[in-house]
C-alpha atoms as a PDB file:
ATOM      1  CA  MET A   1      47.922   1.500   7.414  1.00  0.00           C
ATOM      2  CA  GLY A   2      47.691   2.318  11.101  1.00  0.00           C
ATOM      3  CA  TYR A   3      44.835   1.782  13.480  1.00  0.00           C
ATOM      4  CA  ARG A   4      43.849   5.454  13.500  1.00  0.00           C
ATOM      5  CA  SER A   5      43.576   5.612   9.723  1.00  0.00           C
ATOM      6  CA  CYS A   6      40.838   2.958   9.842  1.00  0.00           C
ATOM      7  CA  LEU A   7      38.532   5.310  11.733  1.00  0.00           C
ATOM      8  CA  SER A   8      36.620   8.105  10.037  1.00  0.00           C
ATOM      9  CA  LEU A   9      33.278   9.868  10.265  1.00  0.00           C
ATOM     10  CA  PRO A  10      31.732   7.922   7.338  1.00  0.00           C
ATOM     11  CA  VAL A  11      32.786   4.611   8.933  1.00  0.00           C
ATOM     12  CA  ALA A  12      31.234   5.695  12.229  1.00  0.00           C
ATOM     13  CA  VAL A  13      28.029   6.705  10.407  1.00  0.00           C
ATOM     14  CA  VAL A  14      27.815   3.273   8.735  1.00  0.00           C
ATOM     15  CA  LEU A  15      28.271   1.476  12.053  1.00  0.00           C
ATOM     16  CA  MET A  16      25.667   3.658  13.791  1.00  0.00           C
ATOM     17  CA  LEU A  17      23.151   3.091  10.985  1.00  0.00           C
ATOM     18  CA  VAL A  18      23.675  -0.666  11.111  1.00  0.00           C
ATOM     19  CA  GLY A  19      23.240  -0.651  14.889  1.00  0.00           C
ATOM     20  CA  PHE A  20      20.124   1.526  14.730  1.00  0.00           C
ATOM     21  CA  VAL A  21      18.429  -0.564  12.036  1.00  0.00           C
ATOM     22  CA  TYR A  22      19.334  -3.823  13.791  1.00  0.00           C
ATOM     23  CA  TYR A  23      17.972  -2.634  17.156  1.00  0.00           C
ATOM     24  CA  THR A  24      14.767  -1.311  15.602  1.00  0.00           C
ATOM     25  CA  VAL A  25      14.040  -4.416  13.537  1.00  0.00           C
ATOM     26  CA  VAL A  26      14.854  -7.010  16.202  1.00  0.00           C
ATOM     27  CA  PHE A  27      13.718  -5.373  19.424  1.00  0.00           C
ATOM     28  CA  LEU A  28      11.032  -2.903  18.320  1.00  0.00           C
ATOM     29  CA  VAL A  29       9.473  -4.919  15.492  1.00  0.00           C
ATOM     30  CA  LEU A  30      10.206  -8.653  15.628  1.00  0.00           C
ATOM     31  CA  ASP A  31      10.049  -9.053  19.417  1.00  0.00           C
ATOM     32  CA  PRO A  32       6.680  -7.347  20.083  1.00  0.00           C
ATOM     33  CA  TRP A  33       5.193  -8.532  16.767  1.00  0.00           C
ATOM     34  CA  LEU A  34       6.311 -12.167  16.378  1.00  0.00           C
ATOM     35  CA  ASP A  35       7.767 -12.719  19.879  1.00  0.00           C
ATOM     36  CA  LEU A  36      11.388 -13.856  19.996  1.00  0.00           C
ATOM     37  CA  ALA A  37      10.361 -16.725  22.282  1.00  0.00           C
ATOM     38  CA  THR A  38       8.437 -18.344  19.426  1.00  0.00           C
ATOM     39  CA  ALA A  39      10.024 -20.403  16.642  1.00  0.00           C
ATOM     40  CA  ASN A  40       8.927 -17.924  13.967  1.00  0.00           C
ATOM     41  CA  GLY A  41      10.220 -14.883  15.801  1.00  0.00           C
ATOM     42  CA  LEU A  42      13.506 -16.560  16.757  1.00  0.00           C
ATOM     43  CA  ALA A  43      14.116 -17.831  13.212  1.00  0.00           C
ATOM     44  CA  ASN A  44      13.606 -14.362  11.734  1.00  0.00           C
ATOM     45  CA  ALA A  45      15.841 -12.761  14.373  1.00  0.00           C
ATOM     46  CA  LEU A  46      18.610 -15.324  13.844  1.00  0.00           C
ATOM     47  CA  ALA A  47      18.496 -14.970  10.051  1.00  0.00           C
ATOM     48  CA  PHE A  48      18.703 -11.182  10.292  1.00  0.00           C
ATOM     49  CA  THR A  49      21.440 -11.367  12.938  1.00  0.00           C
ATOM     50  CA  ALA A  50      23.530 -13.765  10.832  1.00  0.00           C
ATOM     51  CA  THR A  51      23.216 -11.543   7.746  1.00  0.00           C
ATOM     52  CA  THR A  52      24.111  -8.423   9.739  1.00  0.00           C
ATOM     53  CA  LEU A  53      27.053 -10.156  11.409  1.00  0.00           C
ATOM     54  CA  MET A  54      28.457 -11.320   8.055  1.00  0.00           C
ATOM     55  CA  ALA A  55      28.030  -7.793   6.722  1.00  0.00           C
ATOM     56  CA  LEU A  56      30.010  -6.394   9.664  1.00  0.00           C
ATOM     57  CA  VAL A  57      32.777  -9.001   9.313  1.00  0.00           C
ATOM     58  CA  SER A  58      33.071  -8.253   5.588  1.00  0.00           C
ATOM     59  CA  TYR A  59      33.021  -4.524   6.323  1.00  0.00           C
ATOM     60  CA  ALA A  60      35.791  -4.822   8.920  1.00  0.00           C
ATOM     61  CA  LEU A  61      37.962  -6.836   6.530  1.00  0.00           C
ATOM     62  CA  ALA A  62      37.384  -4.366   3.693  1.00  0.00           C
ATOM     63  CA  ILE A  63      38.566  -1.582   6.014  1.00  0.00           C
ATOM     64  CA  LEU A  64      41.483  -3.370   7.664  1.00  0.00           C
ATOM     65  CA  ARG A  65      42.934  -5.256   4.701  1.00  0.00           C
ATOM     66  CA  ASP A  66      45.600  -3.513   2.677  1.00  0.00           C
ATOM     67  CA  PRO A  67      44.106  -3.280  -0.824  1.00  0.00           C
ATOM     68  CA  GLY A  68      47.411  -4.264  -2.405  1.00  0.00           C
ATOM     69  CA  GLU A  69      50.838  -2.618  -2.435  1.00  0.00           C
ATOM     70  CA  ILE A  70      53.312  -2.877  -5.282  1.00  0.00           C
ATOM     71  CA  PRO A  71      56.538  -4.513  -4.044  1.00  0.00           C
ATOM     72  CA  SER A  72      59.468  -2.142  -4.257  1.00  0.00           C
ATOM     73  CA  SER A  73      61.408  -4.865  -6.067  1.00  0.00           C
ATOM     74  CA  TYR A  74      58.809  -5.274  -8.812  1.00  0.00           C
ATOM     75  CA  LEU A  75      60.097  -4.964 -12.370  1.00  0.00           C
ATOM     76  CA  PRO A  76      58.035  -5.828 -15.441  1.00  0.00           C
ATOM     77  CA  ASP A  77      59.507  -8.743 -17.365  1.00  0.00           C
ATOM     78  CA  VAL A  78      58.785  -7.915 -20.962  1.00  0.00           C
ATOM     79  CA  GLU A  79      60.753 -10.894 -22.282  1.00  0.00           C
ATOM     80  CA  ASP A  80      59.050 -13.695 -20.378  1.00  0.00           C
ATOM     81  CA  SER A  81      55.666 -14.190 -22.024  1.00  0.00           C
ATOM     82  CA  GLN A  82      54.671 -16.823 -19.454  1.00  0.00           C
ATOM     83  CA  GLN A  83      55.169 -14.547 -16.483  1.00  0.00           C
ATOM     84  CA  ALA A  84      54.047 -11.367 -18.230  1.00  0.00           C
ATOM     85  CA  PRO A  85      51.506 -12.281 -20.905  1.00  0.00           C
ATOM     86  CA  LEU A  86      50.267  -8.707 -21.039  1.00  0.00           C
ATOM     87  CA  GLN A  87      52.000  -5.417 -20.358  1.00  0.00           C
ATOM     88  CA  GLU A  88      49.949  -2.256 -20.096  1.00  0.00           C
ATOM     89  CA  VAL A  89      51.478   0.827 -21.625  1.00  0.00           C
ATOM     90  CA  LYS A  90      50.994   4.569 -21.363  1.00  0.00           C
ATOM     91  CA  ARG A  91      48.354   6.196 -23.506  1.00  0.00           C
ATOM     92  CA  LYS A  92      51.032   8.333 -25.136  1.00  0.00           C
ATOM     93  CA  GLY A  93      54.398   7.047 -26.204  1.00  0.00           C
ATOM     94  CA  GLY A  94      53.766   3.351 -25.576  1.00  0.00           C
ATOM     95  CA  ASP A  95      56.253   3.173 -22.668  1.00  0.00           C
ATOM     96  CA  LEU A  96      55.708   0.845 -19.713  1.00  0.00           C
ATOM     97  CA  ARG A  97      53.573   2.482 -17.035  1.00  0.00           C
ATOM     98  CA  TYR A  98      55.723   4.067 -14.340  1.00  0.00           C
ATOM     99  CA  CYS A  99      54.459   6.030 -11.334  1.00  0.00           C
ATOM    100  CA  GLN A 100      56.556   9.161 -10.873  1.00  0.00           C
ATOM    101  CA  LYS A 101      55.102   9.720  -7.374  1.00  0.00           C
ATOM    102  CA  CYS A 102      55.712   6.217  -5.998  1.00  0.00           C
ATOM    103  CA  ARG A 103      58.768   5.679  -8.232  1.00  0.00           C
ATOM    104  CA  VAL A 104      57.734   2.151  -9.173  1.00  0.00           C
ATOM    105  CA  TYR A 105      56.596   0.413 -12.335  1.00  0.00           C
ATOM    106  CA  LYS A 106      52.886  -0.296 -12.341  1.00  0.00           C
ATOM    107  CA  PRO A 107      51.842  -3.922 -12.795  1.00  0.00           C
ATOM    108  CA  PRO A 108      48.796  -4.595 -15.000  1.00  0.00           C
ATOM    109  CA  ARG A 109      45.586  -3.107 -13.533  1.00  0.00           C
ATOM    110  CA  ALA A 110      47.416  -1.077 -10.862  1.00  0.00           C
ATOM    111  CA  HIS A 111      46.647   2.625 -10.452  1.00  0.00           C
ATOM    112  CA  HIS A 112      47.763   5.497  -8.249  1.00  0.00           C
ATOM    113  CA  CYS A 113      45.261   6.666  -5.632  1.00  0.00           C
ATOM    114  CA  ARG A 114      45.423  10.389  -4.983  1.00  0.00           C
ATOM    115  CA  VAL A 115      43.695   9.957  -1.611  1.00  0.00           C
ATOM    116  CA  CYS A 116      45.902   7.149  -0.275  1.00  0.00           C
ATOM    117  CA  LYS A 117      48.913   8.701  -2.062  1.00  0.00           C
ATOM    118  CA  ARG A 118      50.188   5.359  -3.331  1.00  0.00           C
ATOM    119  CA  CYS A 119      49.677   2.813  -6.089  1.00  0.00           C
ATOM    120  CA  VAL A 120      47.142   0.052  -5.504  1.00  0.00           C
ATOM    121  CA  LEU A 121      47.069  -3.360  -7.178  1.00  0.00           C
ATOM    122  CA  ARG A 122      43.979  -3.977  -9.348  1.00  0.00           C
ATOM    123  CA  MET A 123      42.464  -0.771  -8.039  1.00  0.00           C
ATOM    124  CA  ASP A 124      38.699  -0.474  -8.380  1.00  0.00           C
ATOM    125  CA  HIS A 125      38.061   2.839  -6.624  1.00  0.00           C
ATOM    126  CA  HIS A 126      38.700   4.721  -3.403  1.00  0.00           C
ATOM    127  CA  CYS A 127      35.710   4.253  -1.105  1.00  0.00           C
ATOM    128  CA  LEU A 128      34.855   6.975   1.376  1.00  0.00           C
ATOM    129  CA  TRP A 129      32.648   4.592   3.372  1.00  0.00           C
ATOM    130  CA  ILE A 130      35.464   2.186   4.206  1.00  0.00           C
ATOM    131  CA  ASN A 131      38.145   4.895   4.395  1.00  0.00           C
ATOM    132  CA  ASN A 132      40.260   2.729   2.134  1.00  0.00           C
ATOM    133  CA  CYS A 133      40.851   1.809  -1.471  1.00  0.00           C
ATOM    134  CA  VAL A 134      39.027  -1.145  -2.952  1.00  0.00           C
ATOM    135  CA  GLY A 135      41.754  -3.165  -4.603  1.00  0.00           C
ATOM    136  CA  HIS A 136      43.127  -6.627  -5.264  1.00  0.00           C
ATOM    137  CA  ASN A 137      43.335  -7.835  -1.656  1.00  0.00           C
ATOM    138  CA  ASN A 138      40.033  -6.523  -0.293  1.00  0.00           C
ATOM    139  CA  TYR A 139      37.716  -6.565  -3.315  1.00  0.00           C
ATOM    140  CA  LYS A 140      36.017  -9.817  -2.270  1.00  0.00           C
ATOM    141  CA  SER A 141      35.426  -8.433   1.240  1.00  0.00           C
ATOM    142  CA  PHE A 142      33.943  -5.267  -0.223  1.00  0.00           C
ATOM    143  CA  PHE A 143      31.774  -7.209  -2.682  1.00  0.00           C
ATOM    144  CA  LEU A 144      30.414  -9.487   0.069  1.00  0.00           C
ATOM    145  CA  PHE A 145      29.801  -6.497   2.335  1.00  0.00           C
ATOM    146  CA  VAL A 146      27.648  -4.907  -0.356  1.00  0.00           C
ATOM    147  CA  LEU A 147      25.855  -8.234  -0.869  1.00  0.00           C
ATOM    148  CA  TYR A 148      25.148  -8.844   2.831  1.00  0.00           C
ATOM    149  CA  ILE A 149      24.238  -5.268   3.725  1.00  0.00           C
ATOM    150  CA  THR A 150      21.890  -5.045   0.732  1.00  0.00           C
ATOM    151  CA  SER A 151      20.222  -8.301   1.810  1.00  0.00           C
ATOM    152  CA  ALA A 152      19.883  -6.985   5.361  1.00  0.00           C
ATOM    153  CA  CYS A 153      18.345  -3.704   4.167  1.00  0.00           C
ATOM    154  CA  ILE A 154      15.838  -5.437   1.893  1.00  0.00           C
ATOM    155  CA  TYR A 155      14.941  -7.844   4.710  1.00  0.00           C
ATOM    156  CA  SER A 156      14.449  -4.897   7.079  1.00  0.00           C
ATOM    157  CA  LEU A 157      12.253  -3.162   4.523  1.00  0.00           C
ATOM    158  CA  VAL A 158      10.075  -6.249   4.060  1.00  0.00           C
ATOM    159  CA  VAL A 159       9.699  -6.771   7.814  1.00  0.00           C
ATOM    160  CA  LEU A 160       8.872  -3.103   8.423  1.00  0.00           C
ATOM    161  CA  GLY A 161       6.365  -3.168   5.558  1.00  0.00           C
ATOM    162  CA  PHE A 162       4.485  -6.242   6.756  1.00  0.00           C
ATOM    163  CA  HIS A 163       4.582  -4.963  10.337  1.00  0.00           C
ATOM    164  CA  ALA A 164       3.170  -1.599   9.253  1.00  0.00           C
ATOM    165  CA  VAL A 165       0.309  -3.316   7.422  1.00  0.00           C
ATOM    166  CA  ASP A 166      -0.427  -5.463  10.470  1.00  0.00           C
ATOM    167  CA  GLU A 167      -0.344  -2.446  12.792  1.00  0.00           C
ATOM    168  CA  PHE A 168      -2.637  -0.499  10.464  1.00  0.00           C
ATOM    169  CA  GLU A 169      -5.199  -3.318  10.440  1.00  0.00           C
ATOM    170  CA  ARG A 170      -5.069  -3.546  14.231  1.00  0.00           C
ATOM    171  CA  ALA A 171      -5.481   0.218  14.521  1.00  0.00           C
ATOM    172  CA  LEU A 172      -8.596   0.079  12.352  1.00  0.00           C
ATOM    173  CA  GLU A 173     -10.047  -2.603  14.614  1.00  0.00           C
ATOM    174  CA  VAL A 174      -9.250  -0.576  17.749  1.00  0.00           C
ATOM    175  CA  VAL A 175     -10.793   2.574  16.253  1.00  0.00           C
ATOM    176  CA  ALA A 176     -13.963   0.661  15.392  1.00  0.00           C
ATOM    177  CA  VAL A 177     -14.244  -0.663  18.947  1.00  0.00           C
ATOM    178  CA  GLU A 178     -13.545   2.728  20.501  1.00  0.00           C
ATOM    179  CA  ASP A 179     -16.127   4.399  18.282  1.00  0.00           C
ATOM    180  CA  ASP A 180     -18.746   1.950  19.484  1.00  0.00           C
ATOM    181  CA  ALA A 181     -17.762   2.415  23.108  1.00  0.00           C
ATOM    182  CA  ALA A 182     -16.982   6.147  22.812  1.00  0.00           C
ATOM    183  CA  ILE A 183     -13.671   5.599  24.625  1.00  0.00           C
ATOM    184  CA  VAL A 184     -10.380   7.235  23.684  1.00  0.00           C
ATOM    185  CA  GLN A 185      -7.270   5.552  25.089  1.00  0.00           C
ATOM    186  CA  PRO A 186      -4.176   7.732  25.624  1.00  0.00           C
ATOM    187  CA  VAL A 187      -1.024   6.655  23.793  1.00  0.00           C
ATOM    188  CA  LYS A 188       1.831   5.631  26.094  1.00  0.00           C
ATOM    189  CA  ALA A 189       5.115   7.506  25.698  1.00  0.00           C
ATOM    190  CA  SER A 190       7.052   4.271  25.149  1.00  0.00           C
ATOM    191  CA  VAL A 191       4.687   3.234  22.361  1.00  0.00           C
ATOM    192  CA  ALA A 192       4.950   6.653  20.726  1.00  0.00           C
ATOM    193  CA  THR A 193       8.769   6.555  20.900  1.00  0.00           C
ATOM    194  CA  ALA A 194       8.889   3.056  19.412  1.00  0.00           C
ATOM    195  CA  SER A 195       6.547   4.107  16.593  1.00  0.00           C
ATOM    196  CA  LEU A 196       8.685   7.164  15.846  1.00  0.00           C
ATOM    197  CA  LEU A 197      11.861   5.061  15.715  1.00  0.00           C
ATOM    198  CA  LYS A 198      10.200   2.590  13.353  1.00  0.00           C
ATOM    199  CA  ILE A 199       9.124   5.425  11.046  1.00  0.00           C
ATOM    200  CA  ILE A 200      12.642   6.869  11.051  1.00  0.00           C
ATOM    201  CA  CYS A 201      14.045   3.398  10.364  1.00  0.00           C
ATOM    202  CA  GLY A 202      11.732   3.007   7.370  1.00  0.00           C
ATOM    203  CA  ILE A 203      12.731   6.431   6.031  1.00  0.00           C
ATOM    204  CA  VAL A 204      16.410   5.446   6.321  1.00  0.00           C
ATOM    205  CA  VAL A 205      16.093   1.917   4.933  1.00  0.00           C
ATOM    206  CA  ILE A 206      14.113   2.771   1.767  1.00  0.00           C
ATOM    207  CA  PRO A 207      16.786   4.946   0.065  1.00  0.00           C
ATOM    208  CA  LEU A 208      19.550   2.689   1.415  1.00  0.00           C
ATOM    209  CA  SER A 209      17.930  -0.373  -0.150  1.00  0.00           C
ATOM    210  CA  VAL A 210      17.607   1.378  -3.511  1.00  0.00           C
ATOM    211  CA  ALA A 211      21.161   2.753  -3.506  1.00  0.00           C
ATOM    212  CA  LEU A 212      22.776  -0.457  -2.276  1.00  0.00           C
ATOM    213  CA  SER A 213      20.797  -2.581  -4.726  1.00  0.00           C
ATOM    214  CA  GLY A 214      22.120  -0.424  -7.553  1.00  0.00           C
ATOM    215  CA  LEU A 215      25.669  -0.736  -6.207  1.00  0.00           C
ATOM    216  CA  LEU A 216      25.310  -4.513  -5.901  1.00  0.00           C
ATOM    217  CA  VAL A 217      24.011  -4.873  -9.460  1.00  0.00           C
ATOM    218  CA  TRP A 218      26.894  -2.702 -10.687  1.00  0.00           C
ATOM    219  CA  HIS A 219      29.557  -4.850  -9.023  1.00  0.00           C
ATOM    220  CA  ILE A 220      27.885  -8.070 -10.138  1.00  0.00           C
ATOM    221  CA  TYR A 221      28.121  -6.721 -13.680  1.00  0.00           C
ATOM    222  CA  LEU A 222      31.792  -5.821 -13.204  1.00  0.00           C
ATOM    223  CA  SER A 223      32.563  -9.229 -11.696  1.00  0.00           C
ATOM    224  CA  LEU A 224      30.838 -11.070 -14.541  1.00  0.00           C
ATOM    225  CA  HIS A 225      33.115  -9.218 -16.973  1.00  0.00           C
ATOM    226  CA  ASN A 226      36.232  -9.236 -14.748  1.00  0.00           C
ATOM    227  CA  ARG A 227      36.515  -5.459 -14.847  1.00  0.00           C
ATOM    228  CA  THR A 228      37.178  -2.799 -12.272  1.00  0.00           C
ATOM    229  CA  THR A 229      35.308   0.489 -12.116  1.00  0.00           C
ATOM    230  CA  ILE A 230      38.382   2.259 -13.512  1.00  0.00           C
ATOM    231  CA  GLU A 231      38.667  -0.231 -16.373  1.00  0.00           C
ATOM    232  CA  TYR A 232      35.007   0.190 -17.225  1.00  0.00           C
ATOM    233  CA  TYR A 233      35.206   3.964 -17.547  1.00  0.00           C
ATOM    234  CA  GLU A 234      38.672   4.331 -18.983  1.00  0.00           C
ATOM    235  CA  GLY A 235      39.406   0.972 -20.601  1.00  0.00           C
ATOM    236  CA  VAL A 236      42.753  -0.726 -20.404  1.00  0.00           C
ATOM    237  CA  ARG A 237      45.290   0.851 -22.755  1.00  0.00           C
ATOM    238  CA  ALA A 238      47.087  -2.363 -23.553  1.00  0.00           C
ATOM    239  CA  LYS A 239      49.260  -3.881 -26.241  1.00  0.00           C
ATOM    240  CA  TRP A 240      49.748  -7.559 -26.685  1.00  0.00           C
ATOM    241  CA  LEU A 241      53.411  -8.462 -26.905  1.00  0.00           C
ATOM    242  CA  ALA A 242      54.389  -9.526 -30.391  1.00  0.00           C
ATOM    243  CA  HIS A 243      51.052  -8.328 -31.763  1.00  0.00           C
ATOM    244  CA  THR A 244      50.064  -5.089 -33.397  1.00  0.00           C
ATOM    245  CA  SER A 245      47.438  -3.065 -31.617  1.00  0.00           C
ATOM    246  CA  GLY A 246      43.919  -3.371 -32.963  1.00  0.00           C
ATOM    247  CA  PRO A 247      40.315  -2.798 -31.836  1.00  0.00           C
ATOM    248  CA  TYR A 248      40.099  -2.786 -28.049  1.00  0.00           C
ATOM    249  CA  SER A 249      38.629  -5.776 -26.237  1.00  0.00           C
ATOM    250  CA  HIS A 250      38.963  -6.312 -22.511  1.00  0.00           C
ATOM    251  CA  PRO A 251      41.838  -8.796 -22.192  1.00  0.00           C
ATOM    252  CA  TYR A 252      40.894 -10.059 -18.702  1.00  0.00           C
ATOM    253  CA  ASP A 253      37.396 -11.238 -19.616  1.00  0.00           C
ATOM    254  CA  LEU A 254      37.622 -15.040 -19.258  1.00  0.00           C
ATOM    255  CA  GLY A 255      33.899 -15.744 -19.517  1.00  0.00           C
ATOM    256  CA  ALA A 256      31.169 -15.200 -16.900  1.00  0.00           C
ATOM    257  CA  LEU A 257      31.802 -18.344 -14.813  1.00  0.00           C
ATOM    258  CA  SER A 258      35.589 -18.027 -14.837  1.00  0.00           C
ATOM    259  CA  ASN A 259      35.290 -14.335 -13.963  1.00  0.00           C
ATOM    260  CA  ILE A 260      33.136 -15.148 -10.942  1.00  0.00           C
ATOM    261  CA  LEU A 261      35.688 -17.752  -9.825  1.00  0.00           C
ATOM    262  CA  VAL A 262      38.410 -15.095 -10.023  1.00  0.00           C
ATOM    263  CA  VAL A 263      36.527 -12.939  -7.513  1.00  0.00           C
ATOM    264  CA  LEU A 264      34.891 -15.489  -5.188  1.00  0.00           C
ATOM    265  CA  GLY A 265      37.256 -18.444  -5.517  1.00  0.00           C
ATOM    266  CA  PRO A 266      37.158 -21.925  -7.071  1.00  0.00           C
ATOM    267  CA  LYS A 267      35.244 -23.560  -4.191  1.00  0.00           C
ATOM    268  CA  ALA A 268      31.534 -22.709  -4.075  1.00  0.00           C
ATOM    269  CA  SER A 269      31.488 -23.534  -0.352  1.00  0.00           C
ATOM    270  CA  CYS A 270      33.825 -20.567   0.237  1.00  0.00           C
ATOM    271  CA  TRP A 271      32.146 -18.063  -2.059  1.00  0.00           C
ATOM    272  CA  PHE A 272      30.315 -16.235   0.703  1.00  0.00           C
ATOM    273  CA  CYS A 273      33.124 -16.328   3.273  1.00  0.00           C
ATOM    274  CA  PRO A 274      35.033 -13.019   3.313  1.00  0.00           C
ATOM    275  CA  MET A 275      38.059 -14.688   4.942  1.00  0.00           C
ATOM    276  CA  ALA A 276      38.544 -17.152   2.071  1.00  0.00           C
ATOM    277  CA  VAL A 277      40.963 -15.236  -0.152  1.00  0.00           C
ATOM    278  CA  GLY A 278      43.716 -17.781  -0.703  1.00  0.00           C
ATOM    279  CA  HIS A 279      42.876 -17.888  -4.409  1.00  0.00           C
ATOM    280  CA  ILE A 280      43.553 -14.250  -5.285  1.00  0.00           C
ATOM    281  CA  GLY A 281      47.263 -14.564  -6.036  1.00  0.00           C
ATOM    282  CA  SER A 282      49.899 -11.838  -5.929  1.00  0.00           C
ATOM    283  CA  GLY A 283      48.031  -9.216  -7.940  1.00  0.00           C
ATOM    284  CA  LEU A 284      51.073  -8.684 -10.171  1.00  0.00           C
ATOM    285  CA  HIS A 285      49.966 -10.974 -13.012  1.00  0.00           C
ATOM    286  CA  PHE A 286      46.508 -11.953 -14.224  1.00  0.00           C
ATOM    287  CA  LYS A 287      45.054 -14.516 -16.566  1.00  0.00           C
ATOM    288  CA  THR A 288      43.949 -13.114 -19.876  1.00  0.00           C
ATOM    289  CA  SER A 289      41.559 -14.313 -22.533  1.00  0.00           C
ATOM    290  CA  GLY A 290      44.540 -14.987 -24.785  1.00  0.00           C
ATOM    291  CA  ASN A 291      46.445 -16.899 -22.120  1.00  0.00           C
ATOM    292  CA  ALA A 292      43.758 -18.545 -19.964  1.00  0.00           C
ATOM    293  CA  ALA A 293      46.200 -21.136 -18.743  1.00  0.00           C
ATOM    294  CA  GLY A 294      48.596 -18.546 -17.335  1.00  0.00           C
ATOM    295  CA  LYS A 295      49.378 -18.054 -13.686  1.00  0.00           C
ATOM    296  CA  LEU A 296      47.487 -15.645 -11.503  1.00  0.00           C
END
């Protein structure tokens, strides 16, 4: 994936929105309202800055990381039950899954992306907003980006809401004083511009908070069940070796806690670090509920 392919209009829109919301909240709301020179104002600005920065780091990694490419030398080992505890098969015929376009066998949970024009390991979906697939190697980065950006949006919404209430109360006091004195003060252009930007920011942040909260809840649900978006909608057409096929149950569901560890890692101290991905393994083999002691 070259440098140019990382850039797209949706990516630019995301970056501009993040920059606009950050500038509005920190410099047009927190600074004049709480004063960044005070402990309260500085603490709020630092918390919001840290959350935004982590969101941007996670976003950059989700864009730049290859989601997972199938090695050209990969061949499914149907005889070694330790290395290949589960082989996914075609819906019709029961043959091992083979991509005619990429001319490679598909490991478990791999799918062909029509946009990227290649197979992706543990593919979740192709995301327009990162101009990349969400797959085995960058799923944690994507998940943390959604988590951090949702937190930043909700924080922005809360700050804008409390600031609006405070400004409204002050305006009522000013109106009462001006009515008594019969004086009408002209509104400065800078104040009017700042107010307009804050209104626009609120209009942008409200639907973003709702949409991103829904997306976050969705991926928390998927992570708790160790499923991808594709697996949720289509199900894994799988056969256990040496077993007859029966009622479908998701074979990669190891239990809520174990599923979370698969995504975020075994060390809780590294859960929220998008760079900590040493636990994810090759993406060619996965633990299953019937072979929980298997290798990743």
